[in-house]
Protein backbone atom coordinates (compact mmCIF):
# COMPACT_ATOMS: atom_id res chain seq x y z
CA UNK A 1 -3.79 -20.52 11.83
CA UNK A 2 -7.28 -21.55 10.88
CA UNK A 3 -8.83 -22.37 7.52
CA UNK A 4 -5.45 -22.44 5.79
CA UNK A 5 -4.77 -18.75 6.44
CA UNK A 6 -1.28 -17.41 6.09
CA UNK A 7 -0.01 -14.13 7.53
CA UNK A 8 3.19 -12.41 6.64
CA UNK A 9 4.54 -9.13 7.84
CA UNK A 10 7.87 -7.80 8.78
CA UNK A 11 9.57 -4.47 9.17
CA UNK A 12 10.26 -4.23 5.42
CA UNK A 13 7.21 -6.01 4.03
CA UNK A 14 3.58 -5.08 3.70
CA UNK A 15 1.20 -7.21 5.80
CA UNK A 16 -0.59 -9.98 3.89
CA UNK A 17 -3.27 -12.44 4.95
CA UNK A 18 -4.07 -15.15 2.43
CA UNK A 19 -5.85 -18.45 2.00
CA UNK A 20 -6.69 -20.78 -0.86
CA UNK A 21 -9.39 -18.46 -2.25
CA UNK A 22 -8.37 -14.98 -1.12
CA UNK A 23 -5.61 -12.45 -0.57
CA UNK A 24 -5.72 -9.32 1.60
CA UNK A 25 -2.75 -6.94 1.54
CA UNK A 26 -2.05 -3.59 3.21
CA UNK A 27 0.25 -1.29 1.27
CA UNK A 28 1.83 1.15 3.68
CA UNK A 29 3.10 3.23 0.74
CA UNK A 30 -0.39 3.91 -0.65
CA UNK A 31 -2.49 3.48 2.51
CA UNK A 32 -4.57 0.85 0.72
CA UNK A 33 -5.93 -2.49 1.88
CA UNK A 34 -6.62 -4.60 -1.20
CA UNK A 35 -9.03 -7.53 -1.02
CA UNK A 36 -9.15 -10.20 -3.72
CA UNK A 37 -10.85 -13.50 -4.37
CA UNK A 38 -13.65 -15.02 -2.33
CA UNK A 39 -14.05 -14.42 1.41
CA UNK A 40 -16.30 -17.00 3.03
CA UNK A 41 -14.55 -17.43 6.35
CA UNK A 42 -15.88 -18.38 9.74
CA UNK A 43 -13.31 -16.18 11.45
CA UNK A 44 -11.95 -12.91 10.18
CA UNK A 45 -9.67 -12.34 13.19
CA UNK A 46 -6.40 -12.13 11.23
CA UNK A 47 -7.85 -9.82 8.60
CA UNK A 48 -9.57 -7.72 11.26
CA UNK A 49 -6.29 -7.30 13.15
CA UNK A 50 -4.46 -6.27 10.01
CA UNK A 51 -7.09 -3.76 8.92
CA UNK A 52 -7.42 -2.24 12.40
CA UNK A 53 -3.62 -1.87 12.49
CA UNK A 54 -3.91 -0.12 9.12
CA UNK A 55 -6.50 2.30 10.58
CA UNK A 56 -4.10 3.05 13.44
CA UNK A 57 -1.15 3.46 11.04
CA UNK A 58 -3.07 5.94 8.87
CA UNK A 59 -4.27 7.90 11.89
CA UNK A 60 -6.73 10.78 12.13
CA UNK A 61 -5.07 12.90 9.46
CA UNK A 62 -5.04 10.34 6.66
CA UNK A 63 -7.28 8.36 4.34
CA UNK A 64 -7.40 4.57 4.37
CA UNK A 65 -8.50 3.08 1.07
CA UNK A 66 -10.29 -0.27 1.06
CA UNK A 67 -10.05 -1.66 -2.48
CA UNK A 68 -12.62 -4.42 -2.96
CA UNK A 69 -12.74 -4.29 -6.76
CA UNK A 70 -11.24 -7.80 -7.06
CA UNK A 71 -13.34 -9.26 -4.24
CA UNK A 72 -15.87 -11.56 -5.89
CA UNK A 73 -17.83 -12.76 -2.89
CA UNK A 74 -18.20 -11.87 0.77
CA UNK A 75 -20.32 -13.61 3.40
CA UNK A 76 -22.24 -11.84 6.18
CA UNK A 77 -19.33 -12.21 8.60
CA UNK A 78 -17.19 -10.37 6.09
CA UNK A 79 -19.73 -7.56 5.84
CA UNK A 80 -19.55 -7.32 9.63
CA UNK A 81 -15.77 -6.96 9.27
CA UNK A 82 -16.23 -3.91 7.04
CA UNK A 83 -18.82 -2.44 9.41
CA UNK A 84 -16.34 -2.80 12.28
CA UNK A 85 -13.63 -1.11 10.23
CA UNK A 86 -15.97 1.80 9.47
CA UNK A 87 -16.79 2.18 13.16
CA UNK A 88 -13.09 2.01 14.14
CA UNK A 89 -12.17 4.60 11.52
CA UNK A 90 -15.01 6.87 12.59
CA UNK A 91 -14.00 6.74 16.24
CA UNK A 92 -10.33 7.40 15.45
CA UNK A 93 -11.05 10.15 12.92
CA UNK A 94 -9.47 8.25 10.02
CA UNK A 95 -11.13 8.92 6.68
CA UNK A 96 -12.20 5.91 4.59
CA UNK A 97 -12.46 5.42 0.84
CA UNK A 98 -14.09 2.27 -0.60
CA UNK A 99 -13.11 1.38 -4.16
CA UNK A 100 -15.79 -0.79 -5.78
CA UNK A 101 -16.37 -2.45 -9.14
CA UNK A 102 -19.54 -2.16 -11.20
CA UNK A 103 -19.00 -5.85 -12.03
CA UNK A 104 -20.20 -6.84 -8.54
CA UNK A 105 -23.42 -5.06 -7.54
CA UNK A 106 -23.14 -6.15 -3.90
CA UNK A 107 -20.11 -3.88 -3.54
CA UNK A 108 -22.04 -0.65 -4.18
CA UNK A 109 -24.80 -1.90 -1.87
CA UNK A 110 -22.20 -2.45 0.84
CA UNK A 111 -20.97 1.12 0.32
CA UNK A 112 -24.51 2.37 0.97
CA UNK A 113 -24.73 0.29 4.13
CA UNK A 114 -21.36 1.54 5.38
CA UNK A 115 -22.44 5.14 4.76
CA UNK A 116 -25.16 4.61 7.38
CA UNK A 117 -22.40 3.91 9.89
CA UNK A 118 -19.92 6.45 8.55
CA UNK A 119 -21.59 9.09 6.34
CA UNK A 120 -18.22 10.57 5.34
CA UNK A 121 -16.95 7.39 3.64
CA UNK A 122 -15.90 8.12 0.06
CA UNK A 123 -16.82 5.86 -2.82
CA UNK A 124 -14.60 5.37 -5.83
C-alpha cells in the first residue's frame, strides 16, 4: 500500500481506507461514504475502488451519500475522484447526495462543479 494507506473490509465490516491524515469509510447500513481529515494523495486508487464498489452496491434504485463535512482539505486529484464518482453514478443510475459543511467553502463550490456533471446530485 502506498503513502501509509490502510484498507480493511470483510464480510461483517464496513470498508475503510485510512492514512495518517485521513479516514474514508463506507457504511453499508446507511449507504454513506464518510470522508474525514486531509486528502492530499498522489494516488486515490484504493479510495476510488471503495467508492465505485459503493456505487455498485447501492445500485440504480438507491441513493449514495458522500459526507464530506469533516473533510478539511482536498487536492485537485481528489476533486477528480469526486468527478469520477459522479460520472459512475450517473451512468449506473445511482442517485448521489453530497453533504457539505458551511465551515469549508470549497465544499459547496465542489457541489456546484459536480452538478455540471450530474445535475441531479442533491446537496445537504
